Amino acid sequence: MSPDHPPGLDLDRLRVLLDRERPGLVTGPLSGRLIEGGRSNLTYEVSDGTARWVVRRPPLGHVLATAHDMRREHRVITALHPTDVPVPRTLLLCEDEEVVGAPFYVMEFVAGTPYRTAAQLAPLGPERTRAAVLNLVDTLVGLHAVDTAEVGLADFGRPEGFLDRQLRRWAKQLDASRNRDLAGIDELHATLGRELPRSPAPTVVHGDYRLDNVLIGGDDDGIRAVLDWEMSTLGDPLTDLGLLVMYSSPLGLPDSPVSTTAQAPGHPAPAELIERYAARSGRDVSAVAWYTAFAWFKLAVILEGIHYRYTLGQTVGRGFDRIGDLVPVFIEHGLTTLQEG
């Protein structure tokens, strides 16, 4: 992959745009690289040899409606930057598809590490791993405490009927990517619909909150930035908690391209994360099994969408050939979670 021509990013056109909209920002020729690890929107690190920035754009090819909205992602990050929620500073939103082939935005580069696997966490040791994961919970509590009106996000979503609408949305997205039989997924969706809980007061919801969507760094292993806001909206905050619990539960699949960090030494058990969130947020978490099962369902749909793009030859990066095998595993975990909850 040439640093002059990373897939999906025309650096010459980007330079022209930046020089026009942010004169003086760029001081030398641009180089760029795709930051691998994401499975949806594409993220690039761009540099002029002195400074670094990050560019986000939708995936190449097949795109599900509303799932890769650059304007919304840019808006929520911009609104949250003055709050205690750690997010990068945004620099530019471009909705002219002539520049790189799709809408995109540019934000500051934040130094830090996204820990994606238990093996990556292991060198931190049990105490630092425990602290990092508990910081993840505390940051989520902080996000859910943001006054949406104060930061200009009061109209960022429609929280009434949020869970029912989410179920219908993800079923629709499944249908848009469905080209094979998936045993149990319709049963999981139907059971979630029958047992819909009553939502607490709405908050900003991240929608994909997990350890590898934050950057950790510094002497205190603090959270330097929360990333990947493409699914954010106003809605039920316990959907974020359910997702975090799901990602803190063992998949039971070694060498999976999508893995949890649950088996890292020192990683808190899901029950402790739930208890900490409840104590610090004051919310009733008695229906957390439903939210966790919903997370398994949502991830099954997301992975099936990625698998579908892979079958069309429209993915960039490594590991996509094994994504399809994970979908039945996520469906089974969702069904089991509902039965045990």
C-alpha atoms as a PDB file:
ATOM      1  CA  MET A   1       0.000   0.000   0.000  1.00  0.00           C
ATOM      2  CA  SER A   2       1.601   3.241  -1.121  1.00  0.00           C
ATOM      3  CA  PRO A   3       1.671   6.055   1.453  1.00  0.00           C
ATOM      4  CA  ASP A   4       0.824   8.366  -1.454  1.00  0.00           C
ATOM      5  CA  HIS A   5      -2.301   6.433  -2.371  1.00  0.00           C
ATOM      6  CA  PRO A   6      -4.011   4.705   0.581  1.00  0.00           C
ATOM      7  CA  PRO A   7      -7.261   3.088  -0.607  1.00  0.00           C
ATOM      8  CA  GLY A   8     -10.243   5.415  -0.417  1.00  0.00           C
ATOM      9  CA  LEU A   9      -8.238   8.575   0.333  1.00  0.00           C
ATOM     10  CA  ASP A  10      -6.928  10.962  -2.330  1.00  0.00           C
ATOM     11  CA  LEU A  11      -4.202  12.877  -0.498  1.00  0.00           C
ATOM     12  CA  ASP A  12      -3.755  15.461  -3.264  1.00  0.00           C
ATOM     13  CA  ARG A  13      -7.415  16.458  -3.114  1.00  0.00           C
ATOM     14  CA  LEU A  14      -7.352  16.365   0.672  1.00  0.00           C
ATOM     15  CA  ARG A  15      -4.388  18.769   0.680  1.00  0.00           C
ATOM     16  CA  VAL A  16      -6.197  21.198  -1.612  1.00  0.00           C
ATOM     17  CA  LEU A  17      -9.253  21.130   0.660  1.00  0.00           C
ATOM     18  CA  LEU A  18      -7.237  21.626   3.857  1.00  0.00           C
ATOM     19  CA  ASP A  19      -5.252  24.484   2.351  1.00  0.00           C
ATOM     20  CA  ARG A  20      -8.518  26.182   1.413  1.00  0.00           C
ATOM     21  CA  GLU A  21     -10.523  25.530   4.591  1.00  0.00           C
ATOM     22  CA  ARG A  22      -7.691  25.521   7.177  1.00  0.00           C
ATOM     23  CA  PRO A  23      -4.912  27.623   5.651  1.00  0.00           C
ATOM     24  CA  GLY A  24      -1.554  27.123   7.321  1.00  0.00           C
ATOM     25  CA  LEU A  25      -2.527  23.818   8.963  1.00  0.00           C
ATOM     26  CA  VAL A  26      -0.503  21.658   6.562  1.00  0.00           C
ATOM     27  CA  THR A  27       3.147  22.607   6.078  1.00  0.00           C
ATOM     28  CA  GLY A  28       4.485  19.802   3.891  1.00  0.00           C
ATOM     29  CA  PRO A  29       3.519  16.977   1.498  1.00  0.00           C
ATOM     30  CA  LEU A  30       0.895  14.633   2.919  1.00  0.00           C
ATOM     31  CA  SER A  31       1.400  10.923   3.473  1.00  0.00           C
ATOM     32  CA  GLY A  32      -1.221   8.577   4.858  1.00  0.00           C
ATOM     33  CA  ARG A  33      -1.908   5.063   5.986  1.00  0.00           C
ATOM     34  CA  LEU A  34      -4.987   3.034   6.770  1.00  0.00           C
ATOM     35  CA  ILE A  35      -5.250   2.291  10.493  1.00  0.00           C
ATOM     36  CA  GLU A  36      -6.232  -1.362  10.573  1.00  0.00           C
ATOM     37  CA  GLY A  37      -8.361  -2.901  13.290  1.00  0.00           C
ATOM     38  CA  GLY A  38     -11.696  -1.282  12.533  1.00  0.00           C
ATOM     39  CA  ARG A  39     -14.293  -3.354  10.761  1.00  0.00           C
ATOM     40  CA  SER A  40     -16.610  -0.586   9.541  1.00  0.00           C
ATOM     41  CA  ASN A  41     -15.765   3.059   8.794  1.00  0.00           C
ATOM     42  CA  LEU A  42     -12.239   3.530   7.471  1.00  0.00           C
ATOM     43  CA  THR A  43      -9.734   5.443   9.605  1.00  0.00           C
ATOM     44  CA  TYR A  44      -6.504   6.931   8.277  1.00  0.00           C
ATOM     45  CA  GLU A  45      -3.508   8.558   9.904  1.00  0.00           C
ATOM     46  CA  VAL A  46      -2.318  11.488   7.795  1.00  0.00           C
ATOM     47  CA  SER A  47       0.901  13.459   8.298  1.00  0.00           C
ATOM     48  CA  ASP A  48       2.778  16.359   6.725  1.00  0.00           C
ATOM     49  CA  GLY A  49       6.022  15.186   8.314  1.00  0.00           C
ATOM     50  CA  THR A  50       5.554  17.416  11.337  1.00  0.00           C
ATOM     51  CA  ALA A  51       1.965  17.075  12.563  1.00  0.00           C
ATOM     52  CA  ARG A  52      -0.515  14.194  12.416  1.00  0.00           C
ATOM     53  CA  TRP A  53      -4.278  14.072  11.907  1.00  0.00           C
ATOM     54  CA  VAL A  54      -6.950  11.411  11.545  1.00  0.00           C
ATOM     55  CA  VAL A  55      -9.423  11.115   8.665  1.00  0.00           C
ATOM     56  CA  ARG A  56     -12.649   9.082   8.892  1.00  0.00           C
ATOM     57  CA  ARG A  57     -14.756   8.018   5.918  1.00  0.00           C
ATOM     58  CA  PRO A  58     -17.361   5.300   5.196  1.00  0.00           C
ATOM     59  CA  PRO A  59     -16.291   1.859   3.978  1.00  0.00           C
ATOM     60  CA  LEU A  60     -15.766   1.214   0.284  1.00  0.00           C
ATOM     61  CA  GLY A  61     -18.688  -0.271  -1.608  1.00  0.00           C
ATOM     62  CA  HIS A  62     -21.848  -1.647   0.034  1.00  0.00           C
ATOM     63  CA  VAL A  63     -23.044   0.812   2.718  1.00  0.00           C
ATOM     64  CA  LEU A  64     -26.132   0.356   4.886  1.00  0.00           C
ATOM     65  CA  ALA A  65     -28.280   3.485   5.116  1.00  0.00           C
ATOM     66  CA  THR A  66     -27.577   5.701   8.178  1.00  0.00           C
ATOM     67  CA  ALA A  67     -24.885   3.336   9.453  1.00  0.00           C
ATOM     68  CA  HIS A  68     -21.953   5.475   8.269  1.00  0.00           C
ATOM     69  CA  ASP A  69     -23.189   9.063   8.720  1.00  0.00           C
ATOM     70  CA  MET A  70     -20.135  11.314   8.878  1.00  0.00           C
ATOM     71  CA  ARG A  71     -22.152  14.418   9.770  1.00  0.00           C
ATOM     72  CA  ARG A  72     -23.601  12.793  12.903  1.00  0.00           C
ATOM     73  CA  GLU A  73     -20.279  11.365  14.000  1.00  0.00           C
ATOM     74  CA  HIS A  74     -18.597  14.737  13.528  1.00  0.00           C
ATOM     75  CA  ARG A  75     -21.427  16.528  15.341  1.00  0.00           C
ATOM     76  CA  VAL A  76     -21.378  14.413  18.495  1.00  0.00           C
ATOM     77  CA  ILE A  77     -17.588  14.535  18.855  1.00  0.00           C
ATOM     78  CA  THR A  78     -17.610  18.309  18.376  1.00  0.00           C
ATOM     79  CA  ALA A  79     -20.375  18.733  20.965  1.00  0.00           C
ATOM     80  CA  LEU A  80     -18.699  16.514  23.557  1.00  0.00           C
ATOM     81  CA  HIS A  81     -15.223  18.029  23.273  1.00  0.00           C
ATOM     82  CA  PRO A  82     -15.878  20.781  25.891  1.00  0.00           C
ATOM     83  CA  THR A  83     -17.232  18.198  28.400  1.00  0.00           C
ATOM     84  CA  ASP A  84     -15.373  15.751  30.638  1.00  0.00           C
ATOM     85  CA  VAL A  85     -15.838  13.016  28.019  1.00  0.00           C
ATOM     86  CA  PRO A  86     -12.425  12.591  26.330  1.00  0.00           C
ATOM     87  CA  VAL A  87     -12.787  12.981  22.557  1.00  0.00           C
ATOM     88  CA  PRO A  88     -10.485  14.348  19.841  1.00  0.00           C
ATOM     89  CA  ARG A  89     -10.879  17.922  18.606  1.00  0.00           C
ATOM     90  CA  THR A  90     -12.546  18.019  15.191  1.00  0.00           C
ATOM     91  CA  LEU A  91     -11.022  20.147  12.422  1.00  0.00           C
ATOM     92  CA  LEU A  92     -13.158  19.755   9.317  1.00  0.00           C
ATOM     93  CA  LEU A  93     -16.272  18.061   7.942  1.00  0.00           C
ATOM     94  CA  CYS A  94     -16.482  17.567   4.178  1.00  0.00           C
ATOM     95  CA  GLU A  95     -19.704  16.306   2.604  1.00  0.00           C
ATOM     96  CA  ASP A  96     -18.534  16.860  -0.982  1.00  0.00           C
ATOM     97  CA  GLU A  97     -18.075  13.332  -2.320  1.00  0.00           C
ATOM     98  CA  GLU A  98     -15.888  14.620  -5.153  1.00  0.00           C
ATOM     99  CA  VAL A  99     -12.924  14.997  -2.797  1.00  0.00           C
ATOM    100  CA  VAL A 100     -12.338  11.384  -1.695  1.00  0.00           C
ATOM    101  CA  GLY A 101     -15.436   9.597  -3.018  1.00  0.00           C
ATOM    102  CA  ALA A 102     -17.519   9.893   0.159  1.00  0.00           C
ATOM    103  CA  PRO A 103     -18.232  12.340   3.001  1.00  0.00           C
ATOM    104  CA  PHE A 104     -15.442  12.452   5.608  1.00  0.00           C
ATOM    105  CA  TYR A 105     -14.101  14.449   8.496  1.00  0.00           C
ATOM    106  CA  VAL A 106     -10.688  15.327   9.924  1.00  0.00           C
ATOM    107  CA  MET A 107      -9.791  15.411  13.627  1.00  0.00           C
ATOM    108  CA  GLU A 108      -6.695  15.772  15.751  1.00  0.00           C
ATOM    109  CA  PHE A 109      -4.452  12.767  16.337  1.00  0.00           C
ATOM    110  CA  VAL A 110      -4.531  11.535  19.940  1.00  0.00           C
ATOM    111  CA  ALA A 111      -1.693   9.319  21.166  1.00  0.00           C
ATOM    112  CA  GLY A 112      -2.795   6.169  22.937  1.00  0.00           C
ATOM    113  CA  THR A 113      -3.342   2.444  22.582  1.00  0.00           C
ATOM    114  CA  PRO A 114      -6.571   0.613  21.708  1.00  0.00           C
ATOM    115  CA  TYR A 115      -6.402  -2.751  23.489  1.00  0.00           C
ATOM    116  CA  ARG A 116      -8.246  -5.255  21.318  1.00  0.00           C
ATOM    117  CA  THR A 117      -7.304  -8.606  22.834  1.00  0.00           C
ATOM    118  CA  ALA A 118      -6.436 -10.250  26.117  1.00  0.00           C
ATOM    119  CA  ALA A 119      -2.937 -10.895  24.754  1.00  0.00           C
ATOM    120  CA  GLN A 120      -2.395  -7.184  24.151  1.00  0.00           C
ATOM    121  CA  LEU A 121      -3.583  -6.344  27.667  1.00  0.00           C
ATOM    122  CA  ALA A 122      -1.444  -8.995  29.356  1.00  0.00           C
ATOM    123  CA  PRO A 123       1.824  -6.963  29.413  1.00  0.00           C
ATOM    124  CA  LEU A 124       0.074  -4.293  31.487  1.00  0.00           C
ATOM    125  CA  GLY A 125      -0.260  -6.762  34.341  1.00  0.00           C
ATOM    126  CA  PRO A 126      -3.368  -7.483  36.437  1.00  0.00           C
ATOM    127  CA  GLU A 127      -3.492  -4.211  38.378  1.00  0.00           C
ATOM    128  CA  ARG A 128      -3.149  -1.902  35.382  1.00  0.00           C
ATOM    129  CA  THR A 129      -5.570  -4.013  33.348  1.00  0.00           C
ATOM    130  CA  ARG A 130      -8.133  -3.853  36.125  1.00  0.00           C
ATOM    131  CA  ALA A 131      -7.745  -0.082  36.435  1.00  0.00           C
ATOM    132  CA  ALA A 132      -8.089   0.432  32.676  1.00  0.00           C
ATOM    133  CA  VAL A 133     -11.331  -1.529  32.464  1.00  0.00           C
ATOM    134  CA  LEU A 134     -12.808   0.184  35.518  1.00  0.00           C
ATOM    135  CA  ASN A 135     -11.865   3.536  33.949  1.00  0.00           C
ATOM    136  CA  LEU A 136     -13.870   2.405  30.946  1.00  0.00           C
ATOM    137  CA  VAL A 137     -16.940   2.018  33.152  1.00  0.00           C
ATOM    138  CA  ASP A 138     -16.387   5.371  34.842  1.00  0.00           C
ATOM    139  CA  THR A 139     -16.020   7.128  31.484  1.00  0.00           C
ATOM    140  CA  LEU A 140     -19.293   5.562  30.345  1.00  0.00           C
ATOM    141  CA  VAL A 141     -21.006   6.856  33.473  1.00  0.00           C
ATOM    142  CA  GLY A 142     -19.613  10.298  32.627  1.00  0.00           C
ATOM    143  CA  LEU A 143     -20.925  10.119  29.070  1.00  0.00           C
ATOM    144  CA  HIS A 144     -24.382   9.167  30.296  1.00  0.00           C
ATOM    145  CA  ALA A 145     -24.344  12.134  32.697  1.00  0.00           C
ATOM    146  CA  VAL A 146     -23.848  14.738  29.942  1.00  0.00           C
ATOM    147  CA  ASP A 147     -26.641  17.337  29.778  1.00  0.00           C
ATOM    148  CA  THR A 148     -27.731  16.952  26.151  1.00  0.00           C
ATOM    149  CA  ALA A 149     -29.439  20.334  25.980  1.00  0.00           C
ATOM    150  CA  GLU A 150     -26.372  22.082  27.368  1.00  0.00           C
ATOM    151  CA  VAL A 151     -24.092  20.665  24.662  1.00  0.00           C
ATOM    152  CA  GLY A 152     -26.567  21.151  21.820  1.00  0.00           C
ATOM    153  CA  LEU A 153     -27.548  17.509  21.372  1.00  0.00           C
ATOM    154  CA  ALA A 154     -31.160  17.651  22.577  1.00  0.00           C
ATOM    155  CA  ASP A 155     -32.353  16.777  19.058  1.00  0.00           C
ATOM    156  CA  PHE A 156     -29.640  14.218  18.334  1.00  0.00           C
ATOM    157  CA  GLY A 157     -32.079  11.300  18.427  1.00  0.00           C
ATOM    158  CA  ARG A 158     -35.647  10.169  19.122  1.00  0.00           C
ATOM    159  CA  PRO A 159     -35.509   8.371  22.469  1.00  0.00           C
ATOM    160  CA  GLU A 160     -39.231   7.536  22.587  1.00  0.00           C
ATOM    161  CA  GLY A 161     -39.654   3.900  21.579  1.00  0.00           C
ATOM    162  CA  PHE A 162     -35.880   3.587  21.263  1.00  0.00           C
ATOM    163  CA  LEU A 163     -35.515  -0.134  22.001  1.00  0.00           C
ATOM    164  CA  ASP A 164     -38.370  -1.205  19.758  1.00  0.00           C
ATOM    165  CA  ARG A 165     -37.015   0.959  16.959  1.00  0.00           C
ATOM    166  CA  GLN A 166     -33.498  -0.404  17.479  1.00  0.00           C
ATOM    167  CA  LEU A 167     -34.742  -3.965  17.139  1.00  0.00           C
ATOM    168  CA  ARG A 168     -36.568  -3.128  13.929  1.00  0.00           C
ATOM    169  CA  ARG A 169     -33.573  -1.208  12.594  1.00  0.00           C
ATOM    170  CA  TRP A 170     -31.147  -4.059  13.156  1.00  0.00           C
ATOM    171  CA  ALA A 171     -33.582  -6.587  11.690  1.00  0.00           C
ATOM    172  CA  LYS A 172     -33.836  -4.366   8.608  1.00  0.00           C
ATOM    173  CA  GLN A 173     -30.058  -4.133   8.354  1.00  0.00           C
ATOM    174  CA  LEU A 174     -29.831  -7.902   8.670  1.00  0.00           C
ATOM    175  CA  ASP A 175     -32.247  -8.274   5.771  1.00  0.00           C
ATOM    176  CA  ALA A 176     -30.145  -5.863   3.698  1.00  0.00           C
ATOM    177  CA  SER A 177     -27.108  -8.125   4.102  1.00  0.00           C
ATOM    178  CA  ARG A 178     -28.755 -11.536   4.334  1.00  0.00           C
ATOM    179  CA  ASN A 179     -27.593 -13.960   1.657  1.00  0.00           C
ATOM    180  CA  ARG A 180     -27.442 -17.196   3.675  1.00  0.00           C
ATOM    181  CA  ASP A 181     -29.396 -19.066   6.372  1.00  0.00           C
ATOM    182  CA  LEU A 182     -28.578 -18.099   9.975  1.00  0.00           C
ATOM    183  CA  ALA A 183     -30.085 -20.565  12.425  1.00  0.00           C
ATOM    184  CA  GLY A 184     -31.549 -18.973  15.551  1.00  0.00           C
ATOM    185  CA  ILE A 185     -31.262 -15.316  14.619  1.00  0.00           C
ATOM    186  CA  ASP A 186     -34.984 -14.859  13.967  1.00  0.00           C
ATOM    187  CA  GLU A 187     -35.763 -16.592  17.273  1.00  0.00           C
ATOM    188  CA  LEU A 188     -33.339 -14.280  19.083  1.00  0.00           C
ATOM    189  CA  HIS A 189     -34.913 -11.209  17.497  1.00  0.00           C
ATOM    190  CA  ALA A 190     -38.456 -12.355  18.324  1.00  0.00           C
ATOM    191  CA  THR A 191     -37.615 -13.160  21.954  1.00  0.00           C
ATOM    192  CA  LEU A 192     -35.983  -9.773  22.442  1.00  0.00           C
ATOM    193  CA  GLY A 193     -39.153  -8.169  21.073  1.00  0.00           C
ATOM    194  CA  ARG A 194     -41.413 -10.084  23.457  1.00  0.00           C
ATOM    195  CA  GLU A 195     -39.341  -9.218  26.536  1.00  0.00           C
ATOM    196  CA  LEU A 196     -38.677  -5.535  25.826  1.00  0.00           C
ATOM    197  CA  PRO A 197     -37.726  -3.725  29.090  1.00  0.00           C
ATOM    198  CA  ARG A 198     -38.809  -0.222  30.064  1.00  0.00           C
ATOM    199  CA  SER A 199     -36.035   2.263  29.334  1.00  0.00           C
ATOM    200  CA  PRO A 200     -34.628   4.741  31.869  1.00  0.00           C
ATOM    201  CA  ALA A 201     -34.302   8.450  31.051  1.00  0.00           C
ATOM    202  CA  PRO A 202     -32.456   8.903  27.736  1.00  0.00           C
ATOM    203  CA  THR A 203     -28.818   9.961  27.407  1.00  0.00           C
ATOM    204  CA  VAL A 204     -26.198  10.222  24.699  1.00  0.00           C
ATOM    205  CA  VAL A 205     -25.526   6.616  23.703  1.00  0.00           C
ATOM    206  CA  HIS A 206     -22.203   5.692  22.101  1.00  0.00           C
ATOM    207  CA  GLY A 207     -23.578   2.563  20.460  1.00  0.00           C
ATOM    208  CA  ASP A 208     -20.278   0.639  20.187  1.00  0.00           C
ATOM    209  CA  TYR A 209     -18.666   1.163  23.578  1.00  0.00           C
ATOM    210  CA  ARG A 210     -15.758  -1.188  24.292  1.00  0.00           C
ATOM    211  CA  LEU A 211     -12.106  -1.185  25.230  1.00  0.00           C
ATOM    212  CA  ASP A 212     -10.722  -1.120  21.703  1.00  0.00           C
ATOM    213  CA  ASN A 213     -12.787   1.957  20.861  1.00  0.00           C
ATOM    214  CA  VAL A 214     -10.883   4.033  23.401  1.00  0.00           C
ATOM    215  CA  LEU A 215      -7.255   5.131  23.482  1.00  0.00           C
ATOM    216  CA  ILE A 216      -5.389   4.469  26.721  1.00  0.00           C
ATOM    217  CA  GLY A 217      -2.106   6.133  27.595  1.00  0.00           C
ATOM    218  CA  GLY A 218      -0.040   8.210  29.966  1.00  0.00           C
ATOM    219  CA  ASP A 219       1.470   7.292  33.309  1.00  0.00           C
ATOM    220  CA  ASP A 220      -1.994   6.682  34.776  1.00  0.00           C
ATOM    221  CA  ASP A 221      -3.240   4.472  31.913  1.00  0.00           C
ATOM    222  CA  GLY A 222      -6.108   6.918  31.597  1.00  0.00           C
ATOM    223  CA  ILE A 223      -8.589   7.079  28.731  1.00  0.00           C
ATOM    224  CA  ARG A 224      -7.248   9.698  26.334  1.00  0.00           C
ATOM    225  CA  ALA A 225     -10.054   9.526  23.773  1.00  0.00           C
ATOM    226  CA  VAL A 226     -13.296   7.691  23.057  1.00  0.00           C
ATOM    227  CA  LEU A 227     -13.473   6.903  19.335  1.00  0.00           C
ATOM    228  CA  ASP A 228     -15.843   5.436  16.718  1.00  0.00           C
ATOM    229  CA  TRP A 229     -19.075   7.370  17.337  1.00  0.00           C
ATOM    230  CA  GLU A 230     -20.795   6.235  14.144  1.00  0.00           C
ATOM    231  CA  MET A 231     -23.675   4.573  16.039  1.00  0.00           C
ATOM    232  CA  SER A 232     -24.199   7.312  18.608  1.00  0.00           C
ATOM    233  CA  THR A 233     -27.630   8.797  19.281  1.00  0.00           C
ATOM    234  CA  LEU A 234     -29.990   9.702  22.126  1.00  0.00           C
ATOM    235  CA  GLY A 235     -31.495   6.618  23.682  1.00  0.00           C
ATOM    236  CA  ASP A 236     -31.360   3.986  26.384  1.00  0.00           C
ATOM    237  CA  PRO A 237     -27.995   4.168  28.208  1.00  0.00           C
ATOM    238  CA  LEU A 238     -28.214   0.527  29.264  1.00  0.00           C
ATOM    239  CA  THR A 239     -27.618  -0.534  25.666  1.00  0.00           C
ATOM    240  CA  ASP A 240     -24.038   0.747  26.116  1.00  0.00           C
ATOM    241  CA  LEU A 241     -23.728  -1.199  29.368  1.00  0.00           C
ATOM    242  CA  GLY A 242     -25.033  -4.378  27.735  1.00  0.00           C
ATOM    243  CA  LEU A 243     -22.470  -4.054  24.967  1.00  0.00           C
ATOM    244  CA  LEU A 244     -19.655  -3.526  27.468  1.00  0.00           C
ATOM    245  CA  VAL A 245     -20.791  -6.619  29.382  1.00  0.00           C
ATOM    246  CA  MET A 246     -20.873  -8.616  26.149  1.00  0.00           C
ATOM    247  CA  TYR A 247     -17.312  -7.585  25.300  1.00  0.00           C
ATOM    248  CA  SER A 248     -16.259  -8.525  28.835  1.00  0.00           C
ATOM    249  CA  SER A 249     -17.596 -12.071  28.396  1.00  0.00           C
ATOM    250  CA  PRO A 250     -15.410 -14.849  26.970  1.00  0.00           C
ATOM    251  CA  LEU A 251     -16.207 -15.841  23.386  1.00  0.00           C
ATOM    252  CA  GLY A 252     -14.571 -19.211  23.789  1.00  0.00           C
ATOM    253  CA  LEU A 253     -12.853 -18.892  20.406  1.00  0.00           C
ATOM    254  CA  PRO A 254      -9.043 -18.710  20.345  1.00  0.00           C
ATOM    255  CA  ASP A 255      -7.497 -16.568  17.598  1.00  0.00           C
ATOM    256  CA  SER A 256     -10.837 -15.005  16.686  1.00  0.00           C
ATOM    257  CA  PRO A 257     -10.699 -11.896  14.445  1.00  0.00           C
ATOM    258  CA  VAL A 258     -13.268 -10.373  16.822  1.00  0.00           C
ATOM    259  CA  SER A 259     -12.325 -11.072  20.410  1.00  0.00           C
ATOM    260  CA  THR A 260     -13.093  -9.953  23.911  1.00  0.00           C
ATOM    261  CA  THR A 261     -10.513  -8.961  26.505  1.00  0.00           C
ATOM    262  CA  ALA A 262     -12.209 -10.962  29.241  1.00  0.00           C
ATOM    263  CA  GLN A 263      -9.419 -13.483  29.769  1.00  0.00           C
ATOM    264  CA  ALA A 264      -6.670 -10.928  30.415  1.00  0.00           C
ATOM    265  CA  PRO A 265      -5.242 -11.316  33.956  1.00  0.00           C
ATOM    266  CA  GLY A 266      -6.886  -8.774  36.240  1.00  0.00           C
ATOM    267  CA  HIS A 267      -9.835  -8.087  33.949  1.00  0.00           C
ATOM    268  CA  PRO A 268     -12.914  -7.445  36.140  1.00  0.00           C
ATOM    269  CA  ALA A 269     -15.785  -9.896  35.750  1.00  0.00           C
ATOM    270  CA  PRO A 270     -18.981  -8.645  34.072  1.00  0.00           C
ATOM    271  CA  ALA A 271     -20.810  -8.660  37.415  1.00  0.00           C
ATOM    272  CA  GLU A 272     -18.320  -6.171  38.869  1.00  0.00           C
ATOM    273  CA  LEU A 273     -18.657  -3.873  35.870  1.00  0.00           C
ATOM    274  CA  ILE A 274     -22.447  -3.954  36.212  1.00  0.00           C
ATOM    275  CA  GLU A 275     -22.247  -3.248  39.930  1.00  0.00           C
ATOM    276  CA  ARG A 276     -19.829  -0.349  39.454  1.00  0.00           C
ATOM    277  CA  TYR A 277     -21.978   1.216  36.739  1.00  0.00           C
ATOM    278  CA  ALA A 278     -25.116   0.872  38.886  1.00  0.00           C
ATOM    279  CA  ALA A 279     -23.450   2.395  41.949  1.00  0.00           C
ATOM    280  CA  ARG A 280     -21.961   5.347  40.080  1.00  0.00           C
ATOM    281  CA  SER A 281     -24.887   6.091  37.761  1.00  0.00           C
ATOM    282  CA  GLY A 282     -27.745   5.345  40.165  1.00  0.00           C
ATOM    283  CA  ARG A 283     -29.611   3.411  37.450  1.00  0.00           C
ATOM    284  CA  ASP A 284     -31.581   0.193  37.854  1.00  0.00           C
ATOM    285  CA  VAL A 285     -29.652  -2.535  36.006  1.00  0.00           C
ATOM    286  CA  SER A 286     -31.927  -5.487  36.824  1.00  0.00           C
ATOM    287  CA  ALA A 287     -32.712  -6.053  33.119  1.00  0.00           C
ATOM    288  CA  VAL A 288     -29.058  -6.139  32.064  1.00  0.00           C
ATOM    289  CA  ALA A 289     -29.396  -9.679  30.649  1.00  0.00           C
ATOM    290  CA  TRP A 290     -31.794  -8.367  28.001  1.00  0.00           C
ATOM    291  CA  TYR A 291     -29.407  -5.574  27.061  1.00  0.00           C
ATOM    292  CA  THR A 292     -26.510  -8.017  26.868  1.00  0.00           C
ATOM    293  CA  ALA A 293     -28.492 -10.392  24.645  1.00  0.00           C
ATOM    294  CA  PHE A 294     -29.427  -7.433  22.454  1.00  0.00           C
ATOM    295  CA  ALA A 295     -25.704  -6.662  22.152  1.00  0.00           C
ATOM    296  CA  TRP A 296     -25.011 -10.216  20.969  1.00  0.00           C
ATOM    297  CA  PHE A 297     -27.809  -9.807  18.391  1.00  0.00           C
ATOM    298  CA  LYS A 298     -26.586  -6.415  17.187  1.00  0.00           C
ATOM    299  CA  LEU A 299     -23.017  -7.661  16.789  1.00  0.00           C
ATOM    300  CA  ALA A 300     -24.246 -10.711  14.883  1.00  0.00           C
ATOM    301  CA  VAL A 301     -25.975  -8.361  12.431  1.00  0.00           C
ATOM    302  CA  ILE A 302     -22.928  -6.111  12.130  1.00  0.00           C
ATOM    303  CA  LEU A 303     -20.634  -9.054  11.504  1.00  0.00           C
ATOM    304  CA  GLU A 304     -23.027 -10.465   8.925  1.00  0.00           C
ATOM    305  CA  GLY A 305     -22.957  -7.110   7.137  1.00  0.00           C
ATOM    306  CA  ILE A 306     -19.165  -7.170   7.112  1.00  0.00           C
ATOM    307  CA  HIS A 307     -19.211 -10.779   5.889  1.00  0.00           C
ATOM    308  CA  TYR A 308     -21.576  -9.708   3.110  1.00  0.00           C
ATOM    309  CA  ARG A 309     -19.204  -6.930   2.000  1.00  0.00           C
ATOM    310  CA  TYR A 310     -16.352  -9.447   2.097  1.00  0.00           C
ATOM    311  CA  THR A 311     -18.238 -11.802  -0.232  1.00  0.00           C
ATOM    312  CA  LEU A 312     -18.584  -8.884  -2.659  1.00  0.00           C
ATOM    313  CA  GLY A 313     -14.869  -8.098  -2.450  1.00  0.00           C
ATOM    314  CA  GLN A 314     -15.520  -4.722  -0.837  1.00  0.00           C
ATOM    315  CA  THR A 315     -13.441  -4.920   2.360  1.00  0.00           C
ATOM    316  CA  VAL A 316      -9.990  -3.501   3.047  1.00  0.00           C
ATOM    317  CA  GLY A 317      -7.584  -5.099   5.520  1.00  0.00           C
ATOM    318  CA  ARG A 318      -6.942  -8.520   7.040  1.00  0.00           C
ATOM    319  CA  GLY A 319      -9.144 -11.005   8.911  1.00  0.00           C
ATOM    320  CA  PHE A 320     -12.374 -10.551   6.974  1.00  0.00           C
ATOM    321  CA  ASP A 321     -12.323 -14.107   5.632  1.00  0.00           C
ATOM    322  CA  ARG A 322     -13.132 -15.465   9.111  1.00  0.00           C
ATOM    323  CA  ILE A 323     -15.839 -12.991  10.124  1.00  0.00           C
ATOM    324  CA  GLY A 324     -18.687 -15.071   8.715  1.00  0.00           C
ATOM    325  CA  ASP A 325     -17.858 -18.020  10.983  1.00  0.00           C
ATOM    326  CA  LEU A 326     -18.378 -15.848  14.061  1.00  0.00           C
ATOM    327  CA  VAL A 327     -21.996 -14.925  13.373  1.00  0.00           C
ATOM    328  CA  PRO A 328     -23.558 -18.240  14.587  1.00  0.00           C
ATOM    329  CA  VAL A 329     -21.439 -17.996  17.764  1.00  0.00           C
ATOM    330  CA  PHE A 330     -22.858 -14.559  18.590  1.00  0.00           C
ATOM    331  CA  ILE A 331     -26.407 -15.773  17.920  1.00  0.00           C
ATOM    332  CA  GLU A 332     -25.942 -18.704  20.304  1.00  0.00           C
ATOM    333  CA  HIS A 333     -24.531 -16.467  23.042  1.00  0.00           C
ATOM    334  CA  GLY A 334     -27.529 -14.164  22.680  1.00  0.00           C
ATOM    335  CA  LEU A 335     -30.028 -16.999  23.056  1.00  0.00           C
ATOM    336  CA  THR A 336     -28.155 -18.441  26.040  1.00  0.00           C
ATOM    337  CA  THR A 337     -27.989 -15.041  27.766  1.00  0.00           C
ATOM    338  CA  LEU A 338     -31.765 -14.616  27.503  1.00  0.00           C
ATOM    339  CA  GLN A 339     -32.408 -18.126  28.817  1.00  0.00           C
ATOM    340  CA  GLU A 340     -30.086 -17.631  31.784  1.00  0.00           C
ATOM    341  CA  GLY A 341     -31.260 -14.084  32.520  1.00  0.00           C
END
